[in-house]
Protein backbone atom coordinates (compact mmCIF):
# COMPACT_ATOMS: atom_id res chain seq x y z
CA MET A 1 -0.20 -0.06 -0.27
CA SER A 2 0.91 3.10 -1.08
CA ARG A 3 1.97 6.15 1.91
CA ARG A 4 -1.66 7.71 0.92
CA GLY A 5 -2.92 4.93 0.86
CA GLU A 6 -1.86 4.21 4.41
CA LEU A 7 -2.47 7.67 5.72
CA ARG A 8 -6.26 7.73 4.43
CA GLU A 9 -6.25 4.17 6.14
CA ALA A 10 -4.82 6.01 9.32
CA ARG A 11 -7.51 8.60 8.91
CA ARG A 12 -10.72 6.74 8.28
CA ALA A 13 -9.61 4.10 11.63
CA VAL A 14 -9.98 6.77 13.76
CA PRO A 15 -12.72 6.07 16.58
CA GLY A 16 -16.41 7.62 16.20
CA GLY A 17 -16.50 9.77 19.49
CA GLU A 18 -12.88 10.33 19.07
CA ARG A 19 -13.62 11.90 15.21
CA ASP A 20 -16.84 13.64 17.14
CA ARG A 21 -14.27 15.35 19.96
CA ALA A 22 -11.44 15.99 16.90
CA ALA A 23 -14.12 18.28 15.22
CA GLY A 24 -15.28 19.91 18.02
CA ARG A 25 -11.94 21.31 18.91
CA VAL A 26 -10.89 22.03 15.52
CA ALA A 27 -13.54 24.29 15.02
CA ASP A 28 -13.07 25.53 18.63
CA HIS A 29 -8.96 26.32 17.78
CA VAL A 30 -10.50 28.27 14.33
CA ARG A 31 -13.09 30.27 16.11
CA ASP A 32 -10.64 31.10 19.19
CA SER A 33 -8.07 32.49 16.61
CA GLU A 34 -10.51 34.83 14.62
CA LEU A 35 -9.09 33.81 11.05
CA ILE A 36 -12.92 33.85 10.14
CA ALA A 37 -14.66 37.33 10.10
CA ALA A 38 -17.96 38.85 9.66
CA GLY A 39 -18.41 39.42 5.75
CA ASP A 40 -15.60 36.57 4.68
CA VAL A 41 -16.51 34.21 2.28
CA VAL A 42 -15.20 30.71 3.49
CA GLY A 43 -14.39 27.66 0.90
CA LEU A 44 -15.60 24.94 2.90
CA TYR A 45 -15.39 21.09 2.03
CA LEU A 46 -17.93 18.43 2.50
CA ALA A 47 -16.48 15.64 4.58
CA ASP A 48 -15.78 11.97 2.73
CA ASP A 49 -13.90 9.30 3.19
CA GLY A 50 -12.82 9.45 6.59
CA GLU A 51 -11.83 13.18 6.59
CA LEU A 52 -12.42 15.64 9.63
CA ASP A 53 -16.27 16.58 9.81
CA THR A 54 -16.71 19.98 8.80
CA THR A 55 -20.01 20.82 10.26
CA PRO A 56 -18.79 22.34 13.76
CA LEU A 57 -16.45 24.84 11.47
CA LEU A 58 -19.80 25.94 9.20
CA ASP A 59 -21.52 26.30 12.52
CA VAL A 60 -18.02 28.38 13.15
CA VAL A 61 -18.67 30.62 9.74
CA THR A 62 -21.96 30.68 10.13
CA ILE A 63 -21.74 32.64 13.85
CA ALA A 64 -18.89 34.79 12.64
CA GLY A 65 -21.35 36.24 9.70
CA ALA A 66 -19.00 34.91 7.14
CA SER A 67 -20.71 32.89 4.07
CA VAL A 68 -19.96 29.65 2.80
CA ALA A 69 -18.83 28.55 -0.42
CA LEU A 70 -18.12 24.82 -1.37
CA PRO A 71 -15.92 23.03 -4.10
CA VAL A 72 -17.26 21.77 -7.67
CA VAL A 73 -15.15 20.05 -9.81
CA GLN A 74 -15.84 21.03 -13.00
CA ALA A 75 -15.30 19.20 -16.65
CA GLY A 76 -12.02 18.51 -17.53
CA THR A 77 -9.34 19.29 -14.42
CA ALA A 78 -11.20 22.51 -13.09
CA MET A 79 -12.24 23.52 -9.80
CA THR A 80 -14.35 26.56 -8.88
CA PHE A 81 -16.67 27.13 -5.86
CA ARG A 82 -20.77 27.81 -5.32
CA THR A 83 -22.20 29.72 -2.96
CA TRP A 84 -24.29 27.70 0.15
CA THR A 85 -26.97 27.86 2.83
CA PRO A 86 -26.97 25.07 5.56
CA GLY A 87 -29.87 23.22 4.54
CA SER A 88 -30.26 24.32 0.68
CA GLY A 89 -29.94 21.81 -2.14
CA LEU A 90 -27.26 19.50 -2.76
CA THR A 91 -27.01 17.32 -5.53
CA GLU A 92 -24.43 14.41 -5.90
CA GLY A 93 -21.30 16.27 -7.79
CA ARG A 94 -18.10 14.16 -9.32
CA TYR A 95 -16.81 11.44 -7.63
CA GLY A 96 -20.12 11.42 -5.30
CA ILE A 97 -19.56 14.18 -3.10
CA PRO A 98 -22.38 16.78 -2.31
CA VAL A 99 -22.39 20.10 -4.54
CA PRO A 100 -25.06 22.92 -4.21
CA VAL A 101 -28.06 22.43 -6.56
CA ALA A 102 -27.73 26.43 -7.15
CA GLY A 103 -25.94 29.08 -5.98
CA GLU A 104 -23.69 31.93 -7.18
CA VAL A 105 -20.09 30.35 -8.44
CA VAL A 106 -17.13 32.32 -6.40
CA PRO A 107 -13.85 31.82 -8.09
CA PRO A 108 -10.78 30.56 -5.81
CA PHE A 109 -9.18 33.83 -5.64
CA ALA A 110 -12.47 36.04 -4.33
CA LEU A 111 -12.83 33.50 -1.10
CA ASP A 112 -10.87 35.12 1.48
CA VAL A 113 -10.34 31.86 4.02
CA VAL A 114 -10.34 28.44 2.23
CA VAL A 115 -10.58 25.40 4.48
CA VAL A 116 -8.37 22.54 2.66
CA PRO A 117 -8.98 18.81 3.00
CA CYS A 118 -5.78 16.94 3.46
CA VAL A 119 -4.93 13.55 3.63
CA ALA A 120 -1.95 14.30 5.04
CA PHE A 121 0.05 17.50 6.43
CA ASP A 122 3.29 19.00 8.16
CA ARG A 123 3.95 22.03 10.33
CA LEU A 124 5.75 23.73 7.06
CA GLY A 125 2.10 23.52 5.39
CA HIS A 126 3.05 21.02 3.26
CA ARG A 127 -0.11 18.86 2.20
CA LEU A 128 -0.58 15.32 0.50
CA GLY A 129 -4.36 15.65 -0.99
CA ARG A 130 -6.19 12.58 -2.95
CA GLY A 131 -3.29 13.23 -5.50
CA ALA A 132 -5.64 14.80 -8.74
CA GLY A 133 -3.86 18.21 -7.62
CA TYR A 134 -7.69 20.51 -7.70
CA TYR A 135 -6.52 22.32 -4.71
CA ASP A 136 -2.63 22.67 -6.40
CA ARG A 137 -4.17 24.13 -9.64
CA ALA A 138 -7.53 26.29 -8.32
CA PHE A 139 -4.96 27.80 -6.18
CA ALA A 140 -1.92 27.88 -8.81
CA ALA A 141 -1.34 31.58 -8.38
CA ARG A 142 -0.46 31.38 -4.33
CA ARG A 143 3.28 30.12 -5.21
CA ARG A 144 3.63 33.84 -6.77
CA VAL A 145 1.48 36.18 -4.80
CA GLY A 146 0.16 34.94 -1.22
CA PRO A 147 -2.86 35.19 0.35
CA PRO A 148 -5.48 35.86 0.38
CA PRO A 149 -6.97 33.73 0.33
CA LEU A 150 -5.37 32.35 3.74
CA LEU A 151 -5.55 28.18 3.37
CA VAL A 152 -5.77 26.25 6.36
CA GLY A 153 -5.88 22.30 6.52
CA VAL A 154 -7.74 20.51 8.93
CA GLY A 155 -7.54 17.26 10.49
CA PHE A 156 -6.77 14.56 13.14
CA ASP A 157 -3.71 14.26 14.90
CA CYS A 158 -2.64 11.39 13.27
CA GLN A 159 -2.20 13.15 10.01
CA LEU A 160 0.03 15.57 11.08
CA VAL A 161 3.34 14.28 9.98
CA GLY A 162 7.13 15.08 10.48
CA HIS A 163 8.17 16.17 6.55
CA LEU A 164 6.07 15.60 3.49
CA ALA A 165 8.26 16.38 0.08
CA ALA A 166 6.66 19.32 -1.69
CA ALA A 167 6.94 19.47 -5.47
CA ASP A 168 7.45 22.81 -7.70
CA HIS A 169 3.20 22.47 -8.60
CA ASP A 170 2.29 22.20 -5.10
CA VAL A 171 0.59 24.93 -2.89
CA ASP A 172 1.21 25.04 0.49
CA LEU A 173 -1.49 26.38 3.48
CA ASP A 174 -0.60 29.12 6.06
CA VAL A 175 -2.37 27.12 9.05
CA VAL A 176 -2.55 23.26 10.19
CA VAL A 177 -5.48 22.81 12.48
CA THR A 178 -5.39 19.66 14.21
CA PRO A 179 -7.48 18.80 17.61
CA THR A 180 -4.23 19.65 19.05
CA ALA A 181 -3.33 22.56 18.06
CA LEU A 182 -3.45 25.62 15.66
CA ARG A 183 0.16 26.27 14.14
CA TRP A 184 0.78 28.82 11.95
CA ALA A 185 3.36 27.07 8.85
CA ALA A 186 6.38 28.06 7.15
CA SER A 187 6.43 31.84 7.54
CA GLU A 188 4.67 33.01 10.68
CA PRO A 189 3.00 36.60 10.57
CA PRO A 190 4.13 38.52 13.57
CA GLY A 191 2.91 37.64 16.78
CA ALA A 192 1.64 34.45 15.58
CA GLY A 193 2.13 30.92 17.58
CA GLN A 194 0.41 28.32 18.77
CA TYR A 195 -2.60 28.25 19.77
CA ALA A 196 -4.11 25.22 22.40
């Protein structure tokens, strides 16, 4: 089994009660960090394949007065986002992942914050995804211009690994959040650090 496969299995193996507590703690860290502000448009994924449940994060976004946009993979290899209000219609998109039935299309760089799904990540913000490269292509210009949007990787503690090799086309995360802590990645902004 590949390293990606092993890490996906580890993510899926997190027990139910621990999964719920982890999702709540991650949401608490994001809320306490004030990364999300009123009026922001937040790209948020809906959990699939053992990913960290983003329902508590959805509550944080809503309470902060921000709006939500979900990723939509279009024909070919492009990914964009579409606004979505909790409780409004979803349909099965590519790979069986739910996407909004309706909603305004939001280009990736019109987002303020993006919560990025990860198979694994390291403290430098290097990320291992599922391997299709949708997020890397959508945010490729970040390698030249930086944020916004702010890219926030979330996951279980078992997904935080010592080191991931980064390819030239990979787009790094700005922040990594596990149940244990919120950490600014590679280059910390002034005054930033670890939130416990």
